[in-house]
Amino acid sequence: MNTTEIKIGGLGGQGVILSGMIIGRGACIFDDKYATLTQAFGPEARGSACSAQVVISDELIEYPYVEQPDILMVLSQEACTRFVPEMSPTGTLIYEGQLVKLPPSLPETLKRFAIPATRIAEELRRRMVVNIVMVGFFAAVTEVVDAAALRKSVEASVPPGTEELNLIAFERGLAYGQEALAGKTSESVVSRK
């Protein structure tokens, strides 16, 4: 059984839960896999810590909670500090490179990918699409869920009238990830071990 545990962390208002929903929906509806989603957030609507946990598998999932993330995607320093210690030492860390500073004690075996997602979202004049930029980047650097499936999931998951903007944000993140893997971005790939 091929199972991947994913945790997404950030602050309320950054679209963390929506990111998890898009990844899970992309996997189970558009990529013929199984997925579960659990979420946690603070009592405040915005600004408090929140996380989404997604388990993706090619078989039925018996336990829906993430115990040791294979992939951690963080959009805030607080999420990085809180969730990095839980990661698999051979996992993949995806982080917002302008907002998150990595601790110096990360295992050498951990794959690390940074993206200036906030800057990219601001270039699109809508900072609120930072999460969708991150989902596009996730698609490129992990290949856990097919990019075409995630594209369909973005379109099906975002509020009506925002589909075009969100798809552009997804494509920008995807392209940045593809460039990172090809070694064309110096700031993105910290380690590809």
N, C-alpha and C. Protein backbone atom coordinates (compact mmCIF):
# COMPACT_ATOMS: atom_id res chain seq x y z
N MET A 1 0.85 -1.18 0.00
CA MET A 1 0.00 0.00 0.00
C MET A 1 0.89 1.24 0.00
N ASN A 2 0.62 2.17 -0.90
CA ASN A 2 1.35 3.41 -1.00
C ASN A 2 0.54 4.52 -0.34
N THR A 3 0.95 4.94 0.85
CA THR A 3 0.24 5.97 1.61
C THR A 3 1.16 7.13 1.88
N THR A 4 0.63 8.35 1.72
CA THR A 4 1.40 9.57 1.98
C THR A 4 0.64 10.40 3.00
N GLU A 5 1.34 10.77 4.07
CA GLU A 5 0.75 11.64 5.09
C GLU A 5 1.23 13.07 4.85
N ILE A 6 0.28 14.00 4.77
CA ILE A 6 0.58 15.40 4.46
C ILE A 6 0.00 16.28 5.56
N LYS A 7 0.79 17.22 6.02
CA LYS A 7 0.28 18.22 6.96
C LYS A 7 0.55 19.60 6.37
N ILE A 8 -0.45 20.46 6.46
CA ILE A 8 -0.34 21.84 6.00
C ILE A 8 -0.57 22.73 7.20
N GLY A 9 0.33 23.65 7.46
CA GLY A 9 0.20 24.50 8.63
C GLY A 9 0.37 25.97 8.29
N GLY A 10 -0.32 26.80 9.04
CA GLY A 10 -0.22 28.24 8.85
C GLY A 10 -1.10 28.95 9.84
N LEU A 11 -1.55 30.12 9.45
CA LEU A 11 -2.41 30.94 10.29
C LEU A 11 -3.80 31.00 9.68
N GLY A 12 -4.81 31.16 10.52
CA GLY A 12 -6.16 31.33 10.03
C GLY A 12 -6.23 32.51 9.07
N GLY A 13 -6.88 32.33 7.95
CA GLY A 13 -6.97 33.37 6.94
C GLY A 13 -6.01 33.16 5.79
N GLN A 14 -5.06 32.21 5.94
CA GLN A 14 -4.12 31.94 4.85
C GLN A 14 -4.62 30.86 3.89
N GLY A 15 -5.77 30.29 4.14
CA GLY A 15 -6.32 29.30 3.24
C GLY A 15 -5.76 27.90 3.44
N VAL A 16 -5.29 27.62 4.65
CA VAL A 16 -4.70 26.32 4.96
C VAL A 16 -5.71 25.18 4.78
N ILE A 17 -6.90 25.34 5.33
CA ILE A 17 -7.91 24.29 5.24
C ILE A 17 -8.34 24.09 3.79
N LEU A 18 -8.52 25.17 3.05
CA LEU A 18 -8.88 25.06 1.64
C LEU A 18 -7.79 24.33 0.86
N SER A 19 -6.55 24.58 1.18
CA SER A 19 -5.44 23.87 0.52
C SER A 19 -5.56 22.37 0.73
N GLY A 20 -5.83 21.98 1.97
CA GLY A 20 -6.01 20.56 2.27
C GLY A 20 -7.19 19.97 1.54
N MET A 21 -8.28 20.73 1.47
CA MET A 21 -9.46 20.25 0.76
C MET A 21 -9.17 20.07 -0.73
N ILE A 22 -8.43 21.00 -1.32
CA ILE A 22 -8.10 20.91 -2.73
C ILE A 22 -7.22 19.70 -3.01
N ILE A 23 -6.23 19.47 -2.17
CA ILE A 23 -5.34 18.33 -2.36
C ILE A 23 -6.11 17.02 -2.20
N GLY A 24 -6.93 16.93 -1.14
CA GLY A 24 -7.71 15.72 -0.92
C GLY A 24 -8.73 15.47 -2.03
N ARG A 25 -9.42 16.52 -2.44
CA ARG A 25 -10.40 16.39 -3.52
C ARG A 25 -9.71 16.00 -4.83
N GLY A 26 -8.58 16.62 -5.09
CA GLY A 26 -7.84 16.29 -6.30
C GLY A 26 -7.46 14.82 -6.33
N ALA A 27 -7.04 14.30 -5.17
CA ALA A 27 -6.62 12.90 -5.09
C ALA A 27 -7.79 11.95 -5.29
N CYS A 28 -8.89 12.17 -4.54
CA CYS A 28 -9.96 11.16 -4.54
C CYS A 28 -10.98 11.33 -5.65
N ILE A 29 -11.21 12.53 -6.11
CA ILE A 29 -12.23 12.71 -7.16
C ILE A 29 -11.61 12.72 -8.56
N PHE A 30 -10.43 13.34 -8.68
CA PHE A 30 -9.86 13.53 -10.01
C PHE A 30 -8.62 12.68 -10.29
N ASP A 31 -8.11 11.93 -9.29
CA ASP A 31 -6.88 11.15 -9.50
C ASP A 31 -7.03 9.69 -9.08
N ASP A 32 -8.25 9.23 -8.84
CA ASP A 32 -8.55 7.82 -8.57
C ASP A 32 -7.76 7.26 -7.38
N LYS A 33 -7.65 8.05 -6.32
CA LYS A 33 -6.99 7.60 -5.10
C LYS A 33 -7.97 7.77 -3.94
N TYR A 34 -7.55 7.37 -2.77
CA TYR A 34 -8.34 7.57 -1.55
C TYR A 34 -7.69 8.70 -0.76
N ALA A 35 -8.53 9.47 -0.05
CA ALA A 35 -8.00 10.57 0.75
C ALA A 35 -8.89 10.84 1.94
N THR A 36 -8.26 11.30 3.02
CA THR A 36 -9.00 11.78 4.19
C THR A 36 -8.47 13.16 4.53
N LEU A 37 -9.30 13.96 5.19
CA LEU A 37 -8.91 15.30 5.62
C LEU A 37 -9.38 15.50 7.05
N THR A 38 -8.48 15.93 7.90
CA THR A 38 -8.85 16.40 9.24
C THR A 38 -8.26 17.79 9.39
N GLN A 39 -8.84 18.58 10.27
CA GLN A 39 -8.38 19.96 10.42
C GLN A 39 -8.41 20.38 11.88
N ALA A 40 -7.54 21.34 12.18
CA ALA A 40 -7.50 21.90 13.53
C ALA A 40 -7.24 23.39 13.42
N PHE A 41 -7.93 24.17 14.25
CA PHE A 41 -7.72 25.61 14.24
C PHE A 41 -8.06 26.19 15.59
N GLY A 42 -7.50 27.37 15.83
CA GLY A 42 -7.73 28.06 17.10
C GLY A 42 -9.11 28.67 17.15
N PRO A 43 -9.49 29.23 18.30
CA PRO A 43 -10.85 29.78 18.46
C PRO A 43 -11.09 31.05 17.66
N GLU A 44 -10.01 31.76 17.28
CA GLU A 44 -10.19 32.99 16.52
C GLU A 44 -10.40 32.64 15.05
N ALA A 45 -11.09 33.49 14.33
CA ALA A 45 -11.35 33.23 12.91
C ALA A 45 -10.08 33.44 12.08
N ARG A 46 -9.32 34.47 12.39
CA ARG A 46 -8.12 34.77 11.62
C ARG A 46 -6.95 35.01 12.56
N GLY A 47 -5.77 34.64 12.10
CA GLY A 47 -4.57 34.95 12.85
C GLY A 47 -4.12 33.88 13.83
N SER A 48 -4.95 32.89 14.09
CA SER A 48 -4.54 31.84 15.01
C SER A 48 -3.96 30.67 14.23
N ALA A 49 -3.25 29.80 14.91
CA ALA A 49 -2.65 28.64 14.27
C ALA A 49 -3.72 27.69 13.77
N CYS A 50 -3.49 27.12 12.59
CA CYS A 50 -4.40 26.12 12.08
C CYS A 50 -3.62 25.12 11.23
N SER A 51 -4.20 23.95 11.06
CA SER A 51 -3.55 22.93 10.23
C SER A 51 -4.60 22.06 9.56
N ALA A 52 -4.20 21.50 8.45
CA ALA A 52 -5.00 20.51 7.74
C ALA A 52 -4.12 19.28 7.57
N GLN A 53 -4.71 18.13 7.80
CA GLN A 53 -3.99 16.86 7.65
C GLN A 53 -4.67 16.05 6.58
N VAL A 54 -3.90 15.65 5.58
CA VAL A 54 -4.44 14.88 4.47
C VAL A 54 -3.66 13.57 4.38
N VAL A 55 -4.39 12.47 4.29
CA VAL A 55 -3.78 11.17 4.05
C VAL A 55 -4.25 10.72 2.68
N ILE A 56 -3.31 10.35 1.82
CA ILE A 56 -3.61 9.91 0.47
C ILE A 56 -3.06 8.50 0.29
N SER A 57 -3.86 7.64 -0.31
CA SER A 57 -3.43 6.26 -0.50
C SER A 57 -4.04 5.69 -1.77
N ASP A 58 -3.44 4.61 -2.25
CA ASP A 58 -4.01 3.91 -3.39
C ASP A 58 -4.97 2.80 -2.93
N GLU A 59 -5.14 2.65 -1.61
CA GLU A 59 -6.08 1.69 -1.04
C GLU A 59 -6.92 2.40 0.03
N LEU A 60 -7.96 1.71 0.51
CA LEU A 60 -8.78 2.29 1.57
C LEU A 60 -7.93 2.69 2.76
N ILE A 61 -8.27 3.81 3.36
CA ILE A 61 -7.52 4.35 4.49
C ILE A 61 -8.22 3.94 5.78
N GLU A 62 -7.51 3.22 6.63
CA GLU A 62 -8.11 2.74 7.87
C GLU A 62 -7.96 3.74 9.01
N TYR A 63 -6.89 4.54 8.98
CA TYR A 63 -6.65 5.50 10.06
C TYR A 63 -6.47 6.88 9.42
N PRO A 64 -7.38 7.83 9.69
CA PRO A 64 -7.38 9.10 8.95
C PRO A 64 -6.46 10.19 9.48
N TYR A 65 -5.69 9.91 10.52
CA TYR A 65 -4.88 10.97 11.12
C TYR A 65 -3.41 10.85 10.72
N VAL A 66 -2.78 11.99 10.59
CA VAL A 66 -1.36 12.03 10.25
C VAL A 66 -0.55 11.84 11.53
N GLU A 67 0.30 10.83 11.54
CA GLU A 67 1.14 10.57 12.71
C GLU A 67 2.54 11.16 12.53
N GLN A 68 3.10 11.00 11.33
CA GLN A 68 4.44 11.51 11.04
C GLN A 68 4.42 11.97 9.58
N PRO A 69 4.25 13.27 9.34
CA PRO A 69 4.08 13.74 7.97
C PRO A 69 5.25 13.36 7.05
N ASP A 70 4.88 12.81 5.89
CA ASP A 70 5.87 12.59 4.83
C ASP A 70 6.12 13.91 4.11
N ILE A 71 5.08 14.74 4.05
CA ILE A 71 5.17 16.06 3.43
C ILE A 71 4.59 17.07 4.40
N LEU A 72 5.35 18.13 4.65
CA LEU A 72 4.87 19.23 5.48
C LEU A 72 4.95 20.50 4.65
N MET A 73 3.82 21.20 4.54
CA MET A 73 3.77 22.48 3.83
C MET A 73 3.41 23.55 4.85
N VAL A 74 4.30 24.52 5.05
CA VAL A 74 4.07 25.55 6.06
C VAL A 74 4.08 26.95 5.45
N LEU A 75 3.13 27.75 5.94
CA LEU A 75 2.98 29.12 5.46
C LEU A 75 3.30 30.15 6.53
N SER A 76 3.68 29.71 7.73
CA SER A 76 4.01 30.64 8.80
C SER A 76 5.16 30.08 9.65
N GLN A 77 5.85 30.98 10.33
CA GLN A 77 6.94 30.57 11.20
C GLN A 77 6.44 29.70 12.35
N GLU A 78 5.30 30.08 12.90
CA GLU A 78 4.72 29.31 14.01
C GLU A 78 4.45 27.86 13.60
N ALA A 79 3.91 27.68 12.39
CA ALA A 79 3.63 26.32 11.90
C ALA A 79 4.92 25.54 11.70
N CYS A 80 5.94 26.20 11.20
CA CYS A 80 7.23 25.53 11.01
C CYS A 80 7.79 25.06 12.35
N THR A 81 7.82 25.96 13.31
CA THR A 81 8.35 25.64 14.63
C THR A 81 7.57 24.50 15.28
N ARG A 82 6.28 24.52 15.12
CA ARG A 82 5.42 23.54 15.78
C ARG A 82 5.42 22.17 15.10
N PHE A 83 5.45 22.14 13.76
CA PHE A 83 5.23 20.88 13.06
C PHE A 83 6.48 20.20 12.50
N VAL A 84 7.56 20.92 12.29
CA VAL A 84 8.77 20.28 11.76
C VAL A 84 9.25 19.12 12.63
N PRO A 85 9.22 19.23 13.97
CA PRO A 85 9.67 18.10 14.79
C PRO A 85 8.87 16.81 14.59
N GLU A 86 7.65 16.92 14.06
CA GLU A 86 6.81 15.75 13.84
C GLU A 86 7.15 15.00 12.56
N MET A 87 7.91 15.63 11.66
CA MET A 87 8.13 15.09 10.32
C MET A 87 8.95 13.82 10.28
N SER A 88 8.71 13.05 9.23
CA SER A 88 9.58 11.93 8.91
C SER A 88 10.94 12.51 8.54
N PRO A 89 12.06 11.95 9.02
CA PRO A 89 13.38 12.50 8.71
C PRO A 89 13.74 12.40 7.23
N THR A 90 12.99 11.59 6.48
CA THR A 90 13.24 11.48 5.04
C THR A 90 12.11 12.15 4.25
N GLY A 91 11.36 13.01 4.91
CA GLY A 91 10.22 13.66 4.29
C GLY A 91 10.58 14.85 3.42
N THR A 92 9.54 15.55 3.00
CA THR A 92 9.68 16.73 2.15
C THR A 92 9.05 17.92 2.85
N LEU A 93 9.82 18.98 3.01
CA LEU A 93 9.35 20.22 3.64
C LEU A 93 9.19 21.28 2.56
N ILE A 94 7.98 21.79 2.44
CA ILE A 94 7.67 22.86 1.48
C ILE A 94 7.30 24.07 2.32
N TYR A 95 7.98 25.20 2.08
CA TYR A 95 7.71 26.35 2.93
C TYR A 95 7.71 27.66 2.17
N GLU A 96 6.98 28.62 2.73
CA GLU A 96 6.93 29.97 2.19
C GLU A 96 8.26 30.63 2.54
N GLY A 97 9.11 30.80 1.55
CA GLY A 97 10.48 31.23 1.78
C GLY A 97 10.65 32.63 2.33
N GLN A 98 9.67 33.49 2.18
CA GLN A 98 9.78 34.85 2.71
C GLN A 98 9.28 34.96 4.14
N LEU A 99 8.45 34.04 4.57
CA LEU A 99 7.84 34.12 5.89
C LEU A 99 8.42 33.13 6.90
N VAL A 100 9.14 32.12 6.41
CA VAL A 100 9.58 31.03 7.27
C VAL A 100 11.10 30.92 7.23
N LYS A 101 11.70 30.91 8.41
CA LYS A 101 13.13 30.66 8.54
C LYS A 101 13.29 29.27 9.15
N LEU A 102 14.02 28.41 8.45
CA LEU A 102 14.17 27.04 8.92
C LEU A 102 15.12 26.94 10.10
N PRO A 103 14.84 26.03 11.03
CA PRO A 103 15.77 25.81 12.14
C PRO A 103 17.06 25.17 11.61
N PRO A 104 18.19 25.45 12.24
CA PRO A 104 19.47 24.92 11.75
C PRO A 104 19.65 23.42 11.96
N SER A 105 18.82 22.82 12.78
CA SER A 105 19.03 21.43 13.16
C SER A 105 18.23 20.42 12.34
N LEU A 106 17.85 20.76 11.13
CA LEU A 106 17.06 19.82 10.31
C LEU A 106 17.92 18.65 9.86
N PRO A 107 17.33 17.46 9.79
CA PRO A 107 18.09 16.29 9.31
C PRO A 107 18.59 16.50 7.88
N GLU A 108 19.77 16.02 7.59
CA GLU A 108 20.35 16.11 6.25
C GLU A 108 19.49 15.41 5.21
N THR A 109 18.75 14.40 5.62
CA THR A 109 17.95 13.59 4.71
C THR A 109 16.63 14.24 4.32
N LEU A 110 16.29 15.36 4.94
CA LEU A 110 15.02 16.04 4.68
C LEU A 110 15.12 16.86 3.40
N LYS A 111 14.19 16.65 2.48
CA LYS A 111 14.14 17.46 1.26
C LYS A 111 13.45 18.77 1.61
N ARG A 112 14.01 19.88 1.12
CA ARG A 112 13.49 21.21 1.46
C ARG A 112 13.27 22.02 0.20
N PHE A 113 12.08 22.58 0.08
CA PHE A 113 11.74 23.40 -1.07
C PHE A 113 11.10 24.70 -0.60
N ALA A 114 11.65 25.82 -1.02
CA ALA A 114 11.11 27.13 -0.66
C ALA A 114 10.53 27.80 -1.90
N ILE A 115 9.49 28.57 -1.68
CA ILE A 115 8.89 29.36 -2.76
C ILE A 115 8.48 30.71 -2.19
N PRO A 116 8.73 31.79 -2.91
CA PRO A 116 8.25 33.11 -2.46
C PRO A 116 6.78 33.28 -2.84
N ALA A 117 5.92 32.46 -2.26
CA ALA A 117 4.51 32.41 -2.65
C ALA A 117 3.79 33.73 -2.39
N THR A 118 4.14 34.40 -1.31
CA THR A 118 3.49 35.68 -1.01
C THR A 118 3.82 36.70 -2.09
N ARG A 119 5.08 36.75 -2.50
CA ARG A 119 5.49 37.68 -3.56
C ARG A 119 4.74 37.36 -4.86
N ILE A 120 4.65 36.09 -5.20
CA ILE A 120 3.94 35.69 -6.42
C ILE A 120 2.47 36.10 -6.33
N ALA A 121 1.84 35.87 -5.18
CA ALA A 121 0.44 36.26 -5.00
C ALA A 121 0.28 37.77 -5.10
N GLU A 122 1.22 38.51 -4.54
CA GLU A 122 1.15 39.97 -4.62
C GLU A 122 1.33 40.46 -6.06
N GLU A 123 2.15 39.76 -6.84
CA GLU A 123 2.30 40.11 -8.26
C GLU A 123 0.97 39.93 -9.00
N LEU A 124 0.14 39.01 -8.52
CA LEU A 124 -1.19 38.80 -9.10
C LEU A 124 -2.22 39.77 -8.50
N ARG A 125 -1.76 40.62 -7.60
CA ARG A 125 -2.57 41.65 -6.92
C ARG A 125 -3.65 41.07 -6.01
N ARG A 126 -3.45 39.84 -5.56
CA ARG A 126 -4.38 39.21 -4.63
C ARG A 126 -3.60 38.32 -3.68
N ARG A 127 -3.20 38.88 -2.57
CA ARG A 127 -2.41 38.12 -1.61
C ARG A 127 -3.15 36.88 -1.11
N MET A 128 -4.47 36.90 -1.19
CA MET A 128 -5.26 35.79 -0.68
C MET A 128 -5.06 34.49 -1.46
N VAL A 129 -4.41 34.53 -2.62
CA VAL A 129 -4.20 33.30 -3.40
C VAL A 129 -2.87 32.64 -3.07
N VAL A 130 -2.22 33.07 -2.00
CA VAL A 130 -0.93 32.47 -1.62
C VAL A 130 -1.06 30.96 -1.43
N ASN A 131 -2.18 30.52 -0.88
CA ASN A 131 -2.37 29.08 -0.67
C ASN A 131 -2.45 28.32 -1.99
N ILE A 132 -3.05 28.92 -2.99
CA ILE A 132 -3.20 28.26 -4.28
C ILE A 132 -1.84 28.21 -5.00
N VAL A 133 -1.04 29.24 -4.83
CA VAL A 133 0.33 29.21 -5.35
C VAL A 133 1.08 28.05 -4.71
N MET A 134 0.91 27.88 -3.40
CA MET A 134 1.56 26.78 -2.68
C MET A 134 1.07 25.42 -3.18
N VAL A 135 -0.21 25.30 -3.49
CA VAL A 135 -0.75 24.02 -3.99
C VAL A 135 -0.12 23.70 -5.36
N GLY A 136 0.03 24.70 -6.20
CA GLY A 136 0.68 24.48 -7.49
C GLY A 136 2.12 24.03 -7.31
N PHE A 137 2.82 24.66 -6.39
CA PHE A 137 4.20 24.29 -6.08
C PHE A 137 4.26 22.86 -5.54
N PHE A 138 3.34 22.54 -4.64
CA PHE A 138 3.21 21.19 -4.09
C PHE A 138 3.07 20.17 -5.22
N ALA A 139 2.21 20.47 -6.20
CA ALA A 139 1.99 19.56 -7.32
C ALA A 139 3.28 19.26 -8.06
N ALA A 140 4.08 20.29 -8.27
CA ALA A 140 5.31 20.13 -9.04
C ALA A 140 6.38 19.36 -8.28
N VAL A 141 6.59 19.69 -7.01
CA VAL A 141 7.74 19.12 -6.30
C VAL A 141 7.46 17.78 -5.63
N THR A 142 6.18 17.41 -5.49
CA THR A 142 5.89 16.12 -4.85
C THR A 142 5.35 15.07 -5.82
N GLU A 143 4.55 15.48 -6.78
CA GLU A 143 3.90 14.57 -7.73
C GLU A 143 3.07 13.49 -7.04
N VAL A 144 2.59 13.78 -5.82
CA VAL A 144 1.72 12.83 -5.10
C VAL A 144 0.34 12.79 -5.74
N VAL A 145 -0.12 13.94 -6.16
CA VAL A 145 -1.40 14.05 -6.88
C VAL A 145 -1.08 14.67 -8.24
N ASP A 146 -1.66 14.12 -9.27
CA ASP A 146 -1.43 14.60 -10.62
C ASP A 146 -1.79 16.09 -10.72
N ALA A 147 -0.95 16.86 -11.41
CA ALA A 147 -1.18 18.30 -11.54
C ALA A 147 -2.51 18.59 -12.22
N ALA A 148 -2.89 17.80 -13.22
CA ALA A 148 -4.17 18.02 -13.90
C ALA A 148 -5.34 17.80 -12.94
N ALA A 149 -5.21 16.83 -12.04
CA ALA A 149 -6.25 16.57 -11.05
C ALA A 149 -6.35 17.73 -10.07
N LEU A 150 -5.22 18.27 -9.66
CA LEU A 150 -5.24 19.41 -8.73
C LEU A 150 -5.80 20.65 -9.41
N ARG A 151 -5.49 20.82 -10.66
CA ARG A 151 -6.03 21.96 -11.43
C ARG A 151 -7.57 21.89 -11.43
N LYS A 152 -8.11 20.71 -11.71
CA LYS A 152 -9.57 20.53 -11.69
C LYS A 152 -10.14 20.77 -10.29
N SER A 153 -9.40 20.33 -9.29
CA SER A 153 -9.85 20.51 -7.91
C SER A 153 -9.87 21.98 -7.51
N VAL A 154 -8.86 22.74 -7.94
CA VAL A 154 -8.85 24.18 -7.68
C VAL A 154 -10.10 24.81 -8.27
N GLU A 155 -10.36 24.50 -9.53
CA GLU A 155 -11.50 25.08 -10.22
C GLU A 155 -12.82 24.74 -9.54
N ALA A 156 -12.92 23.51 -9.01
CA ALA A 156 -14.16 23.06 -8.36
C ALA A 156 -14.29 23.55 -6.92
N SER A 157 -13.19 24.00 -6.31
CA SER A 157 -13.20 24.30 -4.87
C SER A 157 -13.24 25.77 -4.50
N VAL A 158 -12.81 26.64 -5.38
CA VAL A 158 -12.73 28.06 -5.05
C VAL A 158 -14.08 28.74 -5.24
N PRO A 159 -14.29 29.89 -4.61
CA PRO A 159 -15.58 30.58 -4.74
C PRO A 159 -15.88 30.94 -6.20
N PRO A 160 -17.16 30.85 -6.59
CA PRO A 160 -17.55 31.22 -7.95
C PRO A 160 -17.09 32.64 -8.29
N GLY A 161 -16.59 32.79 -9.49
CA GLY A 161 -16.11 34.10 -9.93
C GLY A 161 -14.62 34.30 -9.71
N THR A 162 -13.99 33.40 -8.93
CA THR A 162 -12.55 33.53 -8.67
C THR A 162 -11.74 32.43 -9.35
N GLU A 163 -12.41 31.62 -10.15
CA GLU A 163 -11.73 30.47 -10.76
C GLU A 163 -10.53 30.88 -11.59
N GLU A 164 -10.69 31.88 -12.44
CA GLU A 164 -9.60 32.27 -13.34
C GLU A 164 -8.38 32.75 -12.56
N LEU A 165 -8.58 33.60 -11.58
CA LEU A 165 -7.47 34.09 -10.76
C LEU A 165 -6.78 32.94 -10.04
N ASN A 166 -7.55 32.05 -9.47
CA ASN A 166 -6.97 30.93 -8.73
C ASN A 166 -6.23 29.96 -9.65
N LEU A 167 -6.73 29.75 -10.84
CA LEU A 167 -6.02 28.88 -11.78
C LEU A 167 -4.71 29.51 -12.24
N ILE A 168 -4.70 30.82 -12.40
CA ILE A 168 -3.45 31.51 -12.73
C ILE A 168 -2.46 31.35 -11.58
N ALA A 169 -2.93 31.51 -10.35
CA ALA A 169 -2.06 31.34 -9.17
C ALA A 169 -1.51 29.92 -9.12
N PHE A 170 -2.37 28.93 -9.39
CA PHE A 170 -1.93 27.54 -9.40
C PHE A 170 -0.83 27.33 -10.44
N GLU A 171 -1.04 27.86 -11.63
CA GLU A 171 -0.07 27.69 -12.71
C GLU A 171 1.26 28.37 -12.37
N ARG A 172 1.20 29.51 -11.70
CA ARG A 172 2.45 30.19 -11.30
C ARG A 172 3.22 29.36 -10.30
N GLY A 173 2.53 28.77 -9.33
CA GLY A 173 3.20 27.90 -8.36
C GLY A 173 3.74 26.64 -9.01
N LEU A 174 2.97 26.06 -9.91
CA LEU A 174 3.40 24.86 -10.63
C LEU A 174 4.65 25.15 -11.46
N ALA A 175 4.64 26.25 -12.19
CA ALA A 175 5.79 26.62 -13.02
C ALA A 175 7.03 26.86 -12.16
N TYR A 176 6.83 27.52 -11.02
CA TYR A 176 7.97 27.78 -10.13
C TYR A 176 8.56 26.47 -9.62
N GLY A 177 7.70 25.52 -9.29
CA GLY A 177 8.17 24.22 -8.84
C GLY A 177 8.90 23.46 -9.92
N GLN A 178 8.40 23.52 -11.15
CA GLN A 178 9.07 22.85 -12.26
C GLN A 178 10.44 23.47 -12.52
N GLU A 179 10.53 24.79 -12.42
CA GLU A 179 11.82 25.47 -12.58
C GLU A 179 12.77 25.10 -11.45
N ALA A 180 12.23 24.97 -10.25
CA ALA A 180 13.06 24.60 -9.10
C ALA A 180 13.66 23.22 -9.30
N LEU A 181 12.85 22.27 -9.76
CA LEU A 181 13.33 20.92 -9.98
C LEU A 181 14.37 20.87 -11.10
N ALA A 182 14.24 21.78 -12.05
CA ALA A 182 15.19 21.83 -13.16
C ALA A 182 16.45 22.62 -12.80
N GLY A 183 16.49 23.16 -11.57
CA GLY A 183 17.65 23.92 -11.12
C GLY A 183 17.71 25.34 -11.66
N LYS A 184 16.58 25.87 -12.09
CA LYS A 184 16.55 27.21 -12.69
C LYS A 184 16.25 28.32 -11.68
N THR A 185 15.95 27.96 -10.43
CA THR A 185 15.70 28.97 -9.41
C THR A 185 16.68 28.75 -8.27
N SER A 186 17.48 29.74 -7.99
CA SER A 186 18.50 29.58 -6.95
C SER A 186 17.91 29.63 -5.55
N GLU A 187 16.83 30.35 -5.36
CA GLU A 187 16.30 30.51 -4.01
C GLU A 187 15.34 29.41 -3.59
N SER A 188 14.93 28.57 -4.52
CA SER A 188 13.87 27.62 -4.17
C SER A 188 14.35 26.34 -3.52
N VAL A 189 15.26 25.65 -4.13
CA VAL A 189 15.63 24.34 -3.64
C VAL A 189 16.80 24.45 -2.69
N VAL A 190 16.54 24.21 -1.41
CA VAL A 190 17.60 24.23 -0.42
C VAL A 190 18.35 22.91 -0.46
N SER A 191 17.60 21.82 -0.55
CA SER A 191 18.22 20.50 -0.58
C SER A 191 17.32 19.55 -1.36
N ARG A 192 17.92 18.77 -2.24
CA ARG A 192 17.15 17.78 -2.99
C ARG A 192 17.72 16.40 -2.75
N LYS A 193 18.18 16.10 -1.55
CA LYS A 193 18.80 14.81 -1.24
C LYS A 193 17.77 13.72 -1.25
